């Protein structure tokens, strides 16, 4: 994110200061709109990372009601004699629907940041 914030030209900040905008107004109305693509990417990756967390969730979370989806799906195939691969595969497909929907919702911010330019 640091590198993406550095790509925002300082001339935009200076022009807003000349026009009389304060620091908060510059940040919230100008800068955040220009860095929306990286915020969308970080939000998407954070959601995917926390929802599919396995290692820490399997060690720390003992209560089955509070475990992540990855730990719950692993229990279907972890038994030695009864491996429910069909239920595991169906659960994995259903688990993929929400990240795909989130990506489709955030896609306009990601693509918009690639094609839009702030200065010429």
N, C-alpha and C. Protein backbone atom coordinates (compact mmCIF):
# COMPACT_ATOMS: atom_id res chain seq x y z
N UNK A 1 0.81 -1.19 0.00
CA UNK A 1 0.00 0.00 0.00
C UNK A 1 0.86 1.26 0.00
N UNK A 2 2.01 1.18 0.65
CA UNK A 2 2.89 2.34 0.73
C UNK A 2 3.32 2.79 -0.67
N UNK A 3 3.70 1.85 -1.49
CA UNK A 3 4.11 2.17 -2.85
C UNK A 3 2.98 2.74 -3.68
N UNK A 4 1.77 2.25 -3.45
CA UNK A 4 0.63 2.76 -4.19
C UNK A 4 0.30 4.19 -3.77
N UNK A 5 0.41 4.47 -2.47
CA UNK A 5 0.18 5.84 -1.99
C UNK A 5 1.25 6.79 -2.53
N UNK A 6 2.45 6.29 -2.76
CA UNK A 6 3.51 7.14 -3.30
C UNK A 6 3.30 7.48 -4.77
N UNK A 7 2.46 6.72 -5.46
CA UNK A 7 2.21 7.02 -6.87
C UNK A 7 1.24 8.19 -7.05
N UNK A 8 0.54 8.57 -5.99
CA UNK A 8 -0.36 9.72 -6.08
C UNK A 8 0.50 10.98 -6.16
N UNK A 9 0.34 11.78 -7.21
CA UNK A 9 1.19 12.95 -7.38
C UNK A 9 0.97 14.00 -6.28
N UNK A 10 2.05 14.61 -5.87
CA UNK A 10 1.98 15.65 -4.85
C UNK A 10 1.31 16.91 -5.40
N UNK A 11 1.29 17.06 -6.71
CA UNK A 11 0.66 18.24 -7.30
C UNK A 11 -0.84 18.29 -7.02
N UNK A 12 -1.46 17.14 -6.90
CA UNK A 12 -2.89 17.12 -6.57
C UNK A 12 -3.10 17.64 -5.16
N UNK A 13 -2.26 17.21 -4.25
CA UNK A 13 -2.33 17.67 -2.86
C UNK A 13 -2.11 19.18 -2.77
N UNK A 14 -1.12 19.67 -3.48
CA UNK A 14 -0.81 21.10 -3.47
C UNK A 14 -1.94 21.91 -4.10
N UNK A 15 -2.53 21.40 -5.17
CA UNK A 15 -3.63 22.11 -5.82
C UNK A 15 -4.85 22.19 -4.90
N UNK A 16 -5.10 21.15 -4.15
CA UNK A 16 -6.22 21.17 -3.21
C UNK A 16 -5.95 22.14 -2.07
N UNK A 17 -4.70 22.23 -1.63
CA UNK A 17 -4.36 23.19 -0.56
C UNK A 17 -4.54 24.63 -1.06
N UNK A 18 -4.17 24.88 -2.30
CA UNK A 18 -4.34 26.22 -2.87
C UNK A 18 -5.83 26.56 -2.98
N UNK A 19 -6.65 25.56 -3.30
CA UNK A 19 -8.09 25.79 -3.40
C UNK A 19 -8.75 25.95 -2.04
N UNK A 20 -8.02 25.71 -0.96
CA UNK A 20 -8.56 25.93 0.37
C UNK A 20 -9.04 24.69 1.09
N UNK A 21 -8.72 23.54 0.62
CA UNK A 21 -9.14 22.31 1.28
C UNK A 21 -8.22 22.00 2.46
N UNK A 22 -8.79 21.48 3.52
CA UNK A 22 -8.01 21.10 4.69
C UNK A 22 -7.41 19.71 4.51
N UNK A 23 -6.62 19.30 5.50
CA UNK A 23 -5.96 18.00 5.41
C UNK A 23 -6.96 16.85 5.36
N UNK A 24 -7.99 16.92 6.21
CA UNK A 24 -8.98 15.83 6.25
C UNK A 24 -9.76 15.76 4.93
N UNK A 25 -10.13 16.91 4.41
CA UNK A 25 -10.89 16.93 3.16
C UNK A 25 -10.05 16.40 2.00
N UNK A 26 -8.78 16.77 1.97
CA UNK A 26 -7.90 16.28 0.92
C UNK A 26 -7.78 14.77 0.99
N UNK A 27 -7.61 14.26 2.20
CA UNK A 27 -7.42 12.81 2.36
C UNK A 27 -8.68 12.04 2.00
N UNK A 28 -9.82 12.45 2.56
CA UNK A 28 -11.04 11.67 2.38
C UNK A 28 -11.69 11.85 1.02
N UNK A 29 -11.60 13.02 0.42
CA UNK A 29 -12.30 13.23 -0.86
C UNK A 29 -11.41 13.04 -2.08
N UNK A 30 -10.12 13.22 -1.93
CA UNK A 30 -9.25 13.12 -3.10
C UNK A 30 -8.37 11.88 -3.05
N UNK A 31 -7.58 11.78 -2.00
CA UNK A 31 -6.60 10.69 -1.92
C UNK A 31 -7.27 9.32 -1.85
N UNK A 32 -8.29 9.17 -1.01
CA UNK A 32 -8.93 7.86 -0.88
C UNK A 32 -9.61 7.42 -2.17
N UNK A 33 -10.10 8.36 -2.96
CA UNK A 33 -10.69 7.97 -4.24
C UNK A 33 -9.64 7.51 -5.23
N UNK A 34 -8.45 8.07 -5.14
CA UNK A 34 -7.38 7.67 -6.06
C UNK A 34 -6.76 6.33 -5.67
N UNK A 35 -6.79 6.00 -4.38
CA UNK A 35 -6.17 4.74 -3.93
C UNK A 35 -7.22 3.67 -3.67
N UNK A 36 -8.45 3.85 -4.18
CA UNK A 36 -9.50 2.85 -4.01
C UNK A 36 -9.12 1.48 -4.55
N UNK A 37 -8.39 1.37 -5.66
CA UNK A 37 -8.03 0.03 -6.14
C UNK A 37 -7.19 -0.77 -5.15
N UNK A 38 -6.22 -0.15 -4.52
CA UNK A 38 -5.39 -0.91 -3.59
C UNK A 38 -6.17 -1.24 -2.33
N UNK A 39 -7.09 -0.38 -1.93
CA UNK A 39 -7.93 -0.69 -0.77
C UNK A 39 -8.85 -1.86 -1.08
N UNK A 40 -9.35 -1.93 -2.31
CA UNK A 40 -10.19 -3.06 -2.71
C UNK A 40 -9.40 -4.36 -2.73
N UNK A 41 -8.17 -4.31 -3.23
CA UNK A 41 -7.33 -5.51 -3.28
C UNK A 41 -6.97 -5.97 -1.87
N UNK A 42 -6.59 -5.04 -1.02
CA UNK A 42 -6.22 -5.41 0.36
C UNK A 42 -7.43 -5.97 1.11
N UNK A 43 -8.60 -5.37 0.91
CA UNK A 43 -9.80 -5.89 1.54
C UNK A 43 -10.15 -7.29 1.06
N UNK A 44 -10.03 -7.52 -0.24
CA UNK A 44 -10.32 -8.84 -0.80
C UNK A 44 -9.34 -9.89 -0.29
N UNK A 45 -8.05 -9.57 -0.30
CA UNK A 45 -7.06 -10.52 0.17
C UNK A 45 -7.17 -10.77 1.67
N UNK A 46 -7.53 -9.77 2.44
CA UNK A 46 -7.73 -9.95 3.87
C UNK A 46 -8.93 -10.85 4.15
N UNK A 47 -10.00 -10.65 3.40
CA UNK A 47 -11.17 -11.51 3.57
C UNK A 47 -10.85 -12.95 3.23
N UNK A 48 -10.18 -13.17 2.11
CA UNK A 48 -9.85 -14.53 1.70
C UNK A 48 -8.88 -15.17 2.71
N UNK A 49 -7.92 -14.40 3.18
CA UNK A 49 -6.95 -14.94 4.14
C UNK A 49 -7.56 -15.34 5.46
N UNK A 50 -8.46 -14.51 5.97
CA UNK A 50 -9.05 -14.84 7.26
C UNK A 50 -10.13 -15.92 7.17
N UNK A 51 -10.85 -15.96 6.06
CA UNK A 51 -11.89 -16.98 5.95
C UNK A 51 -11.31 -18.36 5.65
N UNK A 52 -10.15 -18.42 5.04
CA UNK A 52 -9.56 -19.71 4.71
C UNK A 52 -8.38 -20.06 5.62
N UNK A 53 -8.27 -19.41 6.74
CA UNK A 53 -7.18 -19.69 7.69
C UNK A 53 -7.34 -21.10 8.25
N UNK A 54 -6.28 -21.87 8.21
CA UNK A 54 -6.35 -23.24 8.69
C UNK A 54 -5.42 -23.50 9.86
N UNK A 55 -4.16 -23.11 9.75
CA UNK A 55 -3.15 -23.51 10.73
C UNK A 55 -3.47 -22.96 12.12
N UNK A 56 -3.61 -21.66 12.23
CA UNK A 56 -3.88 -21.07 13.54
C UNK A 56 -5.28 -21.43 14.04
N UNK A 57 -6.24 -21.47 13.14
CA UNK A 57 -7.60 -21.78 13.54
C UNK A 57 -7.73 -23.21 14.07
N UNK A 58 -6.99 -24.13 13.51
CA UNK A 58 -7.08 -25.51 13.98
C UNK A 58 -6.39 -25.70 15.32
N UNK A 59 -5.43 -24.86 15.66
CA UNK A 59 -4.73 -24.97 16.93
C UNK A 59 -5.43 -24.17 18.03
N UNK A 60 -5.84 -22.95 17.72
CA UNK A 60 -6.36 -22.05 18.74
C UNK A 60 -7.85 -22.25 19.00
N UNK A 61 -8.63 -22.37 17.94
CA UNK A 61 -10.08 -22.45 18.10
C UNK A 61 -10.50 -23.89 18.38
N UNK A 62 -10.93 -24.13 19.59
CA UNK A 62 -11.31 -25.49 20.00
C UNK A 62 -12.81 -25.72 19.82
N UNK A 63 -13.62 -24.69 20.08
CA UNK A 63 -15.07 -24.80 19.96
C UNK A 63 -15.45 -24.97 18.49
N UNK A 64 -16.18 -26.02 18.13
CA UNK A 64 -16.54 -26.23 16.72
C UNK A 64 -17.42 -25.12 16.14
N UNK A 65 -18.14 -24.39 16.98
CA UNK A 65 -18.99 -23.31 16.48
C UNK A 65 -18.19 -22.09 16.05
N UNK A 66 -16.94 -21.98 16.48
CA UNK A 66 -16.13 -20.80 16.18
C UNK A 66 -14.98 -21.09 15.23
N UNK A 67 -14.88 -22.30 14.71
CA UNK A 67 -13.79 -22.63 13.80
C UNK A 67 -14.07 -22.08 12.41
N UNK A 68 -13.01 -21.92 11.65
CA UNK A 68 -13.17 -21.40 10.29
C UNK A 68 -13.69 -22.48 9.35
N UNK A 69 -14.05 -22.06 8.17
CA UNK A 69 -14.60 -22.98 7.18
C UNK A 69 -13.58 -24.03 6.75
N UNK A 70 -12.32 -23.64 6.66
CA UNK A 70 -11.29 -24.59 6.24
C UNK A 70 -11.13 -25.72 7.25
N UNK A 71 -11.21 -25.41 8.52
CA UNK A 71 -11.09 -26.45 9.55
C UNK A 71 -12.30 -27.37 9.50
N UNK A 72 -13.47 -26.80 9.31
CA UNK A 72 -14.67 -27.63 9.20
C UNK A 72 -14.65 -28.54 7.99
N UNK A 73 -14.17 -28.04 6.88
CA UNK A 73 -14.08 -28.88 5.68
C UNK A 73 -13.03 -29.97 5.85
N UNK A 74 -11.96 -29.67 6.55
CA UNK A 74 -10.92 -30.67 6.76
C UNK A 74 -11.43 -31.86 7.57
N UNK A 75 -12.36 -31.61 8.47
CA UNK A 75 -12.90 -32.69 9.29
C UNK A 75 -13.64 -33.73 8.46
N UNK A 76 -14.14 -33.34 7.28
CA UNK A 76 -14.81 -34.31 6.42
C UNK A 76 -13.83 -35.33 5.83
N UNK A 77 -12.59 -34.95 5.62
CA UNK A 77 -11.64 -35.87 4.99
C UNK A 77 -10.53 -36.31 5.94
N UNK A 78 -10.59 -35.92 7.19
CA UNK A 78 -9.51 -36.26 8.11
C UNK A 78 -9.70 -37.61 8.79
N UNK A 79 -10.92 -38.15 8.79
CA UNK A 79 -11.13 -39.47 9.40
C UNK A 79 -10.42 -40.54 8.58
N UNK A 80 -9.87 -41.52 9.30
CA UNK A 80 -9.08 -42.54 8.62
C UNK A 80 -9.94 -43.48 7.78
N UNK A 81 -11.13 -43.80 8.26
CA UNK A 81 -11.93 -44.81 7.58
C UNK A 81 -13.13 -44.23 6.81
N UNK A 82 -13.52 -43.02 7.12
CA UNK A 82 -14.67 -42.44 6.40
C UNK A 82 -14.28 -41.08 5.85
N UNK A 83 -13.88 -41.09 4.62
CA UNK A 83 -13.50 -39.84 3.96
C UNK A 83 -14.64 -39.43 3.03
N UNK A 84 -15.26 -38.32 3.35
CA UNK A 84 -16.38 -37.81 2.55
C UNK A 84 -15.87 -36.78 1.55
N UNK A 85 -15.26 -37.28 0.48
CA UNK A 85 -14.70 -36.37 -0.51
C UNK A 85 -15.79 -35.62 -1.27
N UNK A 86 -16.94 -36.24 -1.47
CA UNK A 86 -18.00 -35.55 -2.20
C UNK A 86 -18.55 -34.39 -1.38
N UNK A 87 -18.71 -34.56 -0.07
CA UNK A 87 -19.19 -33.48 0.78
C UNK A 87 -18.12 -32.38 0.88
N UNK A 88 -16.86 -32.80 0.95
CA UNK A 88 -15.76 -31.83 0.98
C UNK A 88 -15.72 -30.99 -0.29
N UNK A 89 -15.88 -31.63 -1.44
CA UNK A 89 -15.85 -30.90 -2.72
C UNK A 89 -17.05 -29.96 -2.84
N UNK A 90 -18.21 -30.41 -2.40
CA UNK A 90 -19.39 -29.54 -2.44
C UNK A 90 -19.21 -28.34 -1.51
N UNK A 91 -18.65 -28.58 -0.34
CA UNK A 91 -18.39 -27.48 0.59
C UNK A 91 -17.36 -26.50 0.06
N UNK A 92 -16.36 -27.02 -0.63
CA UNK A 92 -15.34 -26.14 -1.21
C UNK A 92 -15.92 -25.27 -2.32
N UNK A 93 -16.82 -25.83 -3.12
CA UNK A 93 -17.46 -25.04 -4.17
C UNK A 93 -18.36 -23.97 -3.55
N UNK A 94 -19.12 -24.34 -2.53
CA UNK A 94 -19.97 -23.36 -1.86
C UNK A 94 -19.15 -22.29 -1.14
N UNK A 95 -18.00 -22.68 -0.62
CA UNK A 95 -17.14 -21.71 0.06
C UNK A 95 -16.51 -20.73 -0.92
N UNK A 96 -16.38 -21.12 -2.17
CA UNK A 96 -15.77 -20.25 -3.16
C UNK A 96 -16.75 -19.21 -3.71
N UNK A 97 -18.02 -19.38 -3.45
CA UNK A 97 -19.02 -18.46 -4.01
C UNK A 97 -18.87 -17.06 -3.42
N UNK A 98 -18.68 -16.95 -2.11
CA UNK A 98 -18.59 -15.63 -1.48
C UNK A 98 -17.36 -14.83 -1.91
N UNK A 99 -16.15 -15.43 -1.95
CA UNK A 99 -15.01 -14.64 -2.47
C UNK A 99 -15.17 -14.23 -3.93
N UNK A 100 -15.76 -15.08 -4.74
CA UNK A 100 -15.98 -14.72 -6.15
C UNK A 100 -16.98 -13.57 -6.25
N UNK A 101 -18.04 -13.62 -5.44
CA UNK A 101 -19.01 -12.52 -5.44
C UNK A 101 -18.38 -11.23 -4.95
N UNK A 102 -17.52 -11.32 -3.95
CA UNK A 102 -16.82 -10.14 -3.45
C UNK A 102 -15.88 -9.58 -4.51
N UNK A 103 -15.19 -10.45 -5.22
CA UNK A 103 -14.32 -9.99 -6.30
C UNK A 103 -15.11 -9.30 -7.40
N UNK A 104 -16.25 -9.88 -7.76
CA UNK A 104 -17.07 -9.27 -8.80
C UNK A 104 -17.60 -7.90 -8.36
N UNK A 105 -17.90 -7.76 -7.07
CA UNK A 105 -18.37 -6.47 -6.57
C UNK A 105 -17.25 -5.44 -6.56
N UNK A 106 -16.03 -5.86 -6.28
CA UNK A 106 -14.89 -4.93 -6.21
C UNK A 106 -14.16 -4.77 -7.53
N UNK A 107 -14.59 -5.48 -8.55
CA UNK A 107 -13.88 -5.47 -9.83
C UNK A 107 -13.87 -4.09 -10.47
N UNK A 108 -14.94 -3.33 -10.32
CA UNK A 108 -14.96 -2.01 -10.95
C UNK A 108 -13.96 -1.07 -10.33
N UNK A 109 -13.67 -1.23 -9.03
CA UNK A 109 -12.65 -0.40 -8.39
C UNK A 109 -11.25 -0.79 -8.86
N UNK A 110 -11.04 -2.08 -8.99
CA UNK A 110 -9.72 -2.56 -9.41
C UNK A 110 -9.43 -2.15 -10.85
N UNK A 111 -10.36 -2.40 -11.74
CA UNK A 111 -10.18 -2.05 -13.15
C UNK A 111 -10.20 -0.53 -13.32
N UNK A 112 -11.04 0.16 -12.57
CA UNK A 112 -11.10 1.62 -12.66
C UNK A 112 -9.79 2.28 -12.28
N UNK A 113 -9.09 1.71 -11.32
CA UNK A 113 -7.81 2.25 -10.92
C UNK A 113 -6.72 2.01 -11.94
N UNK A 114 -6.86 0.96 -12.72
CA UNK A 114 -5.87 0.68 -13.76
C UNK A 114 -6.04 1.59 -14.96
N UNK A 115 -7.28 1.95 -15.27
CA UNK A 115 -7.52 2.72 -16.48
C UNK A 115 -7.61 4.22 -16.26
N UNK A 116 -7.94 4.64 -15.05
CA UNK A 116 -8.12 6.07 -14.79
C UNK A 116 -6.80 6.72 -14.42
N UNK A 117 -6.59 7.91 -14.91
CA UNK A 117 -5.41 8.68 -14.56
C UNK A 117 -5.83 9.98 -13.91
N UNK A 118 -5.03 10.47 -12.98
CA UNK A 118 -5.45 11.67 -12.26
C UNK A 118 -4.87 12.93 -12.90
N UNK A 119 -3.68 12.84 -13.47
CA UNK A 119 -3.08 13.99 -14.13
C UNK A 119 -2.54 13.54 -15.48
N UNK A 120 -2.36 14.51 -16.35
CA UNK A 120 -1.82 14.19 -17.68
C UNK A 120 -0.34 14.52 -17.73
